[in-house]
Amino acid sequence: MGKKKTIVLDKDFEEIIPEFLIKRKTDIVIIQKALEDGDYSLVESLGHKLKGTCGSYGFKDLSEIGKKIEDAAKVRKEETIIKLIEKIENYLANIDIKFE
């Protein structure tokens, strides 16, 4: 287990963040399945989606991981993608969100 990280988000996001986080966990499952199927195009697309969506909601670290997944999928680096998925799981398990 990693160290807890506090993320401060705009109060306007308070109602939508729980669903947003559930969708990120779903993204992990979809990326894993796409990777198993060798569908790097889908992995790349999902990485791109993570990059944009997470950045828009204030999750800079997740956005950066999404970019790395997108880049790794372009060159079919499976081991890198697996490690990045683990980073997402660790991140989601260890964030504390505050709203201001």
C-alpha atoms as a PDB file:
ATOM      1  CA  MET A   1       0.000   0.000   0.000  1.00  0.00           C
ATOM      2  CA  GLY A   2       1.255   3.463  -0.872  1.00  0.00           C
ATOM      3  CA  LYS A   3       1.280   6.711   0.980  1.00  0.00           C
ATOM      4  CA  LYS A   4      -2.013   8.640   1.098  1.00  0.00           C
ATOM      5  CA  LYS A   5      -2.110  11.668  -1.149  1.00  0.00           C
ATOM      6  CA  THR A   6      -4.567  14.504  -0.652  1.00  0.00           C
ATOM      7  CA  ILE A   7      -6.114  15.996  -3.764  1.00  0.00           C
ATOM      8  CA  VAL A   8      -7.949  19.310  -3.448  1.00  0.00           C
ATOM      9  CA  LEU A   9     -10.711  19.786  -6.000  1.00  0.00           C
ATOM     10  CA  ASP A  10     -13.279  22.449  -6.711  1.00  0.00           C
ATOM     11  CA  LYS A  11     -16.464  22.024  -4.668  1.00  0.00           C
ATOM     12  CA  ASP A  12     -18.441  22.019  -7.946  1.00  0.00           C
ATOM     13  CA  PHE A  13     -17.038  18.513  -8.626  1.00  0.00           C
ATOM     14  CA  GLU A  14     -18.157  17.024  -5.307  1.00  0.00           C
ATOM     15  CA  GLU A  15     -21.290  15.297  -6.620  1.00  0.00           C
ATOM     16  CA  ILE A  16     -19.693  13.808  -9.735  1.00  0.00           C
ATOM     17  CA  ILE A  17     -16.345  12.595  -8.391  1.00  0.00           C
ATOM     18  CA  PRO A  18     -17.597   9.301  -6.878  1.00  0.00           C
ATOM     19  CA  GLU A  19     -18.963   8.201 -10.273  1.00  0.00           C
ATOM     20  CA  PHE A  20     -15.844   9.523 -11.982  1.00  0.00           C
ATOM     21  CA  LEU A  21     -13.649   7.327  -9.769  1.00  0.00           C
ATOM     22  CA  ILE A  22     -15.836   4.264 -10.381  1.00  0.00           C
ATOM     23  CA  LYS A  23     -15.403   4.825 -14.118  1.00  0.00           C
ATOM     24  CA  ARG A  24     -11.621   4.918 -13.706  1.00  0.00           C
ATOM     25  CA  LYS A  25     -11.749   1.509 -12.016  1.00  0.00           C
ATOM     26  CA  THR A  26     -13.826   0.274 -14.942  1.00  0.00           C
ATOM     27  CA  ASP A  27     -11.211   1.711 -17.313  1.00  0.00           C
ATOM     28  CA  ILE A  28      -8.587  -0.456 -15.609  1.00  0.00           C
ATOM     29  CA  VAL A  29     -10.619  -3.607 -16.301  1.00  0.00           C
ATOM     30  CA  ILE A  30     -11.189  -2.587 -19.921  1.00  0.00           C
ATOM     31  CA  ILE A  31      -7.492  -1.808 -20.459  1.00  0.00           C
ATOM     32  CA  GLN A  32      -6.492  -5.145 -18.943  1.00  0.00           C
ATOM     33  CA  LYS A  33      -8.920  -7.018 -21.206  1.00  0.00           C
ATOM     34  CA  ALA A  34      -7.793  -5.082 -24.284  1.00  0.00           C
ATOM     35  CA  LEU A  35      -4.188  -5.866 -23.399  1.00  0.00           C
ATOM     36  CA  GLU A  36      -5.013  -9.572 -23.040  1.00  0.00           C
ATOM     37  CA  ASP A  37      -6.671  -9.421 -26.468  1.00  0.00           C
ATOM     38  CA  GLY A  38      -3.682  -7.607 -27.986  1.00  0.00           C
ATOM     39  CA  ASP A  39      -5.915  -4.644 -28.851  1.00  0.00           C
ATOM     40  CA  TYR A  40      -3.288  -1.930 -28.493  1.00  0.00           C
ATOM     41  CA  SER A  41      -5.442   0.488 -30.453  1.00  0.00           C
ATOM     42  CA  LEU A  42      -8.091   0.334 -27.723  1.00  0.00           C
ATOM     43  CA  VAL A  43      -5.442   0.595 -24.995  1.00  0.00           C
ATOM     44  CA  GLU A  44      -4.028   3.674 -26.739  1.00  0.00           C
ATOM     45  CA  SER A  45      -7.501   5.207 -27.039  1.00  0.00           C
ATOM     46  CA  LEU A  46      -8.275   4.575 -23.365  1.00  0.00           C
ATOM     47  CA  GLY A  47      -4.919   6.049 -22.335  1.00  0.00           C
ATOM     48  CA  HIS A  48      -5.734   9.139 -24.379  1.00  0.00           C
ATOM     49  CA  LYS A  49      -9.168   9.353 -22.739  1.00  0.00           C
ATOM     50  CA  LEU A  50      -7.609   9.060 -19.279  1.00  0.00           C
ATOM     51  CA  LYS A  51      -5.109  11.785 -20.121  1.00  0.00           C
ATOM     52  CA  GLY A  52      -7.801  14.248 -21.133  1.00  0.00           C
ATOM     53  CA  THR A  53     -10.580  13.380 -18.717  1.00  0.00           C
ATOM     54  CA  CYS A  54      -8.427  13.130 -15.618  1.00  0.00           C
ATOM     55  CA  GLY A  55      -6.656  16.378 -16.401  1.00  0.00           C
ATOM     56  CA  SER A  56      -9.985  18.147 -16.815  1.00  0.00           C
ATOM     57  CA  TYR A  57     -11.138  16.985 -13.392  1.00  0.00           C
ATOM     58  CA  GLY A  58      -7.935  17.971 -11.600  1.00  0.00           C
ATOM     59  CA  PHE A  59      -6.248  14.569 -11.372  1.00  0.00           C
ATOM     60  CA  LYS A  60      -2.904  15.583 -12.862  1.00  0.00           C
ATOM     61  CA  ASP A  61      -1.092  12.384 -11.843  1.00  0.00           C
ATOM     62  CA  LEU A  62      -3.744  10.179 -13.459  1.00  0.00           C
ATOM     63  CA  SER A  63      -3.599  12.325 -16.569  1.00  0.00           C
ATOM     64  CA  GLU A  64       0.158  11.778 -16.791  1.00  0.00           C
ATOM     65  CA  ILE A  65      -0.298   8.007 -16.356  1.00  0.00           C
ATOM     66  CA  GLY A  66      -2.906   8.067 -19.132  1.00  0.00           C
ATOM     67  CA  LYS A  67      -0.384   9.770 -21.431  1.00  0.00           C
ATOM     68  CA  LYS A  68       2.216   7.120 -20.606  1.00  0.00           C
ATOM     69  CA  ILE A  69      -0.296   4.340 -21.338  1.00  0.00           C
ATOM     70  CA  GLU A  70      -1.149   5.981 -24.647  1.00  0.00           C
ATOM     71  CA  ASP A  71       2.538   6.230 -25.572  1.00  0.00           C
ATOM     72  CA  ALA A  72       3.330   2.662 -24.446  1.00  0.00           C
ATOM     73  CA  ALA A  73       0.401   1.275 -26.441  1.00  0.00           C
ATOM     74  CA  LYS A  74       1.717   2.942 -29.603  1.00  0.00           C
ATOM     75  CA  VAL A  75       4.886   0.835 -29.344  1.00  0.00           C
ATOM     76  CA  ARG A  76       3.177  -2.226 -27.805  1.00  0.00           C
ATOM     77  CA  LYS A  77       5.057  -2.189 -24.500  1.00  0.00           C
ATOM     78  CA  GLU A  78       2.901  -4.610 -22.554  1.00  0.00           C
ATOM     79  CA  GLU A  79       5.051  -4.733 -19.395  1.00  0.00           C
ATOM     80  CA  THR A  80       5.081  -0.941 -19.182  1.00  0.00           C
ATOM     81  CA  ILE A  81       1.302  -0.818 -19.519  1.00  0.00           C
ATOM     82  CA  ILE A  82       0.885  -3.444 -16.786  1.00  0.00           C
ATOM     83  CA  LYS A  83       3.068  -1.374 -14.436  1.00  0.00           C
ATOM     84  CA  LEU A  84       1.090   1.758 -15.280  1.00  0.00           C
ATOM     85  CA  ILE A  85      -2.184  -0.034 -14.533  1.00  0.00           C
ATOM     86  CA  GLU A  86      -0.731  -0.918 -11.121  1.00  0.00           C
ATOM     87  CA  LYS A  87       0.122   2.763 -10.622  1.00  0.00           C
ATOM     88  CA  ILE A  88      -3.496   3.715 -11.340  1.00  0.00           C
ATOM     89  CA  GLU A  89      -4.758   1.099  -8.885  1.00  0.00           C
ATOM     90  CA  ASN A  90      -2.332   2.302  -6.222  1.00  0.00           C
ATOM     91  CA  TYR A  91      -3.233   5.933  -6.878  1.00  0.00           C
ATOM     92  CA  LEU A  92      -6.972   5.271  -6.597  1.00  0.00           C
ATOM     93  CA  ALA A  93      -6.483   3.246  -3.412  1.00  0.00           C
ATOM     94  CA  ASN A  94      -4.454   5.978  -1.760  1.00  0.00           C
ATOM     95  CA  ILE A  95      -6.095   9.307  -2.542  1.00  0.00           C
ATOM     96  CA  ASP A  96      -7.945  11.456  -0.084  1.00  0.00           C
ATOM     97  CA  ILE A  97     -10.122  14.027  -1.814  1.00  0.00           C
ATOM     98  CA  LYS A  98     -10.968  17.377  -0.262  1.00  0.00           C
ATOM     99  CA  PHE A  99     -13.368  19.850  -1.811  1.00  0.00           C
ATOM    100  CA  GLU A 100     -13.027  23.622  -1.508  1.00  0.00           C
END
